[in-house]
Amino acid sequence: MLHKFRIQINKPPVEVLQFLCNKDTYKQQNGSPVLLLEKTTTGPLGVGTCYREVVQMAPFVKSQILSEITRYEPCSVFE
């Protein structure tokens, strides 16, 4: 089942886009629920780029999030 979520981020769009374009390269902080975040496709960032994220929400509950970029316009749009 495909789910779409929206969140409000109180940062300038340029900062948010820069983070999202490189999210797989940032080191996770201690205590982060994110156990793994990896780019699963090769090549430059763009439509079709995929990520896999493993999160732990409770001691024995892990979940996997698969995401794909469906729209990308450098410096303005990242979906």
C-alpha atoms as a PDB file:
ATOM      1  CA  MET A   1       0.000   0.000   0.000  1.00  0.00           C
ATOM      2  CA  LEU A   2       1.361   3.428  -0.983  1.00  0.00           C
ATOM      3  CA  HIS A   3       1.129   6.235   1.567  1.00  0.00           C
ATOM      4  CA  LYS A   4       1.894   9.900   0.996  1.00  0.00           C
ATOM      5  CA  PHE A   5       2.709  12.173   3.887  1.00  0.00           C
ATOM      6  CA  ARG A   6       3.199  15.917   4.189  1.00  0.00           C
ATOM      7  CA  ILE A   7       5.022  17.728   6.951  1.00  0.00           C
ATOM      8  CA  GLN A   8       5.714  21.398   7.664  1.00  0.00           C
ATOM      9  CA  ILE A   9       9.433  22.212   7.991  1.00  0.00           C
ATOM     10  CA  ASN A  10      10.313  25.625   9.370  1.00  0.00           C
ATOM     11  CA  LYS A  11      13.519  26.127   7.375  1.00  0.00           C
ATOM     12  CA  PRO A  12      14.279  28.009   4.168  1.00  0.00           C
ATOM     13  CA  PRO A  13      13.446  25.864   1.111  1.00  0.00           C
ATOM     14  CA  VAL A  14      17.064  25.919  -0.096  1.00  0.00           C
ATOM     15  CA  GLU A  15      18.291  24.344   3.186  1.00  0.00           C
ATOM     16  CA  VAL A  16      15.600  21.660   3.104  1.00  0.00           C
ATOM     17  CA  LEU A  17      16.291  20.792  -0.538  1.00  0.00           C
ATOM     18  CA  GLN A  18      20.044  20.600   0.130  1.00  0.00           C
ATOM     19  CA  PHE A  19      19.441  18.214   3.042  1.00  0.00           C
ATOM     20  CA  LEU A  20      17.036  15.987   1.095  1.00  0.00           C
ATOM     21  CA  CYS A  21      19.377  15.776  -1.894  1.00  0.00           C
ATOM     22  CA  ASN A  22      22.133  14.452   0.364  1.00  0.00           C
ATOM     23  CA  LYS A  23      20.187  12.738   3.144  1.00  0.00           C
ATOM     24  CA  ASP A  24      21.930   9.406   2.673  1.00  0.00           C
ATOM     25  CA  THR A  25      25.361  10.964   3.339  1.00  0.00           C
ATOM     26  CA  TYR A  26      24.611  12.403   6.791  1.00  0.00           C
ATOM     27  CA  LYS A  27      25.701  10.487   9.889  1.00  0.00           C
ATOM     28  CA  GLN A  28      22.808   9.612  12.210  1.00  0.00           C
ATOM     29  CA  GLN A  29      22.942  11.092  15.712  1.00  0.00           C
ATOM     30  CA  ASN A  30      23.094   8.776  18.733  1.00  0.00           C
ATOM     31  CA  GLY A  31      19.595   7.762  19.766  1.00  0.00           C
ATOM     32  CA  SER A  32      18.132   8.371  16.306  1.00  0.00           C
ATOM     33  CA  PRO A  33      15.324   5.970  15.381  1.00  0.00           C
ATOM     34  CA  VAL A  34      16.906   5.744  11.903  1.00  0.00           C
ATOM     35  CA  LEU A  35      19.069   2.613  11.834  1.00  0.00           C
ATOM     36  CA  LEU A  36      19.837   2.702   8.117  1.00  0.00           C
ATOM     37  CA  LEU A  37      19.352   5.224   5.338  1.00  0.00           C
ATOM     38  CA  GLU A  38      20.710   4.330   1.935  1.00  0.00           C
ATOM     39  CA  LYS A  39      20.312   5.367  -1.663  1.00  0.00           C
ATOM     40  CA  THR A  40      19.445   2.178  -3.539  1.00  0.00           C
ATOM     41  CA  THR A  41      19.845   3.448  -7.089  1.00  0.00           C
ATOM     42  CA  THR A  42      23.001   4.564  -8.852  1.00  0.00           C
ATOM     43  CA  GLY A  43      23.676   7.719 -10.760  1.00  0.00           C
ATOM     44  CA  PRO A  44      22.824  11.344 -10.132  1.00  0.00           C
ATOM     45  CA  LEU A  45      19.853  12.464  -8.081  1.00  0.00           C
ATOM     46  CA  GLY A  46      16.673  12.790 -10.112  1.00  0.00           C
ATOM     47  CA  VAL A  47      13.285  11.298 -10.908  1.00  0.00           C
ATOM     48  CA  GLY A  48      13.493   7.570 -10.159  1.00  0.00           C
ATOM     49  CA  THR A  49      16.136   7.840  -7.415  1.00  0.00           C
ATOM     50  CA  CYS A  50      15.189   5.420  -4.612  1.00  0.00           C
ATOM     51  CA  TYR A  51      16.009   5.207  -0.908  1.00  0.00           C
ATOM     52  CA  ARG A  52      15.590   2.586   1.807  1.00  0.00           C
ATOM     53  CA  GLU A  53      15.237   3.630   5.423  1.00  0.00           C
ATOM     54  CA  VAL A  54      15.032   1.313   8.420  1.00  0.00           C
ATOM     55  CA  VAL A  55      13.652   2.821  11.620  1.00  0.00           C
ATOM     56  CA  GLN A  56      13.158   1.415  15.100  1.00  0.00           C
ATOM     57  CA  MET A  57      10.121   2.870  16.835  1.00  0.00           C
ATOM     58  CA  ALA A  58      10.096   0.599  19.899  1.00  0.00           C
ATOM     59  CA  PRO A  59      12.518  -1.974  21.318  1.00  0.00           C
ATOM     60  CA  PHE A  60      11.212  -4.813  19.157  1.00  0.00           C
ATOM     61  CA  VAL A  61       9.504  -2.864  16.367  1.00  0.00           C
ATOM     62  CA  LYS A  62      11.437  -2.075  13.196  1.00  0.00           C
ATOM     63  CA  SER A  63       9.943  -0.701  10.033  1.00  0.00           C
ATOM     64  CA  GLN A  64      11.235  -0.215   6.513  1.00  0.00           C
ATOM     65  CA  ILE A  65      10.408   2.836   4.411  1.00  0.00           C
ATOM     66  CA  LEU A  66      10.987   2.698   0.666  1.00  0.00           C
ATOM     67  CA  SER A  67      10.820   6.004  -1.184  1.00  0.00           C
ATOM     68  CA  GLU A  68      11.259   7.178  -4.751  1.00  0.00           C
ATOM     69  CA  ILE A  69      11.675  10.666  -6.160  1.00  0.00           C
ATOM     70  CA  THR A  70       8.748  11.291  -8.492  1.00  0.00           C
ATOM     71  CA  ARG A  71       9.383  14.956  -9.265  1.00  0.00           C
ATOM     72  CA  TYR A  72      12.640  16.864  -9.094  1.00  0.00           C
ATOM     73  CA  GLU A  73      13.423  20.387 -10.231  1.00  0.00           C
ATOM     74  CA  PRO A  74      16.840  21.500  -8.912  1.00  0.00           C
ATOM     75  CA  CYS A  75      16.655  24.317  -6.360  1.00  0.00           C
ATOM     76  CA  SER A  76      12.832  24.254  -6.221  1.00  0.00           C
ATOM     77  CA  VAL A  77      10.961  20.907  -6.118  1.00  0.00           C
ATOM     78  CA  PHE A  78      11.664  17.523  -4.486  1.00  0.00           C
ATOM     79  CA  GLU A  79       8.791  15.012  -4.226  1.00  0.00           C
END
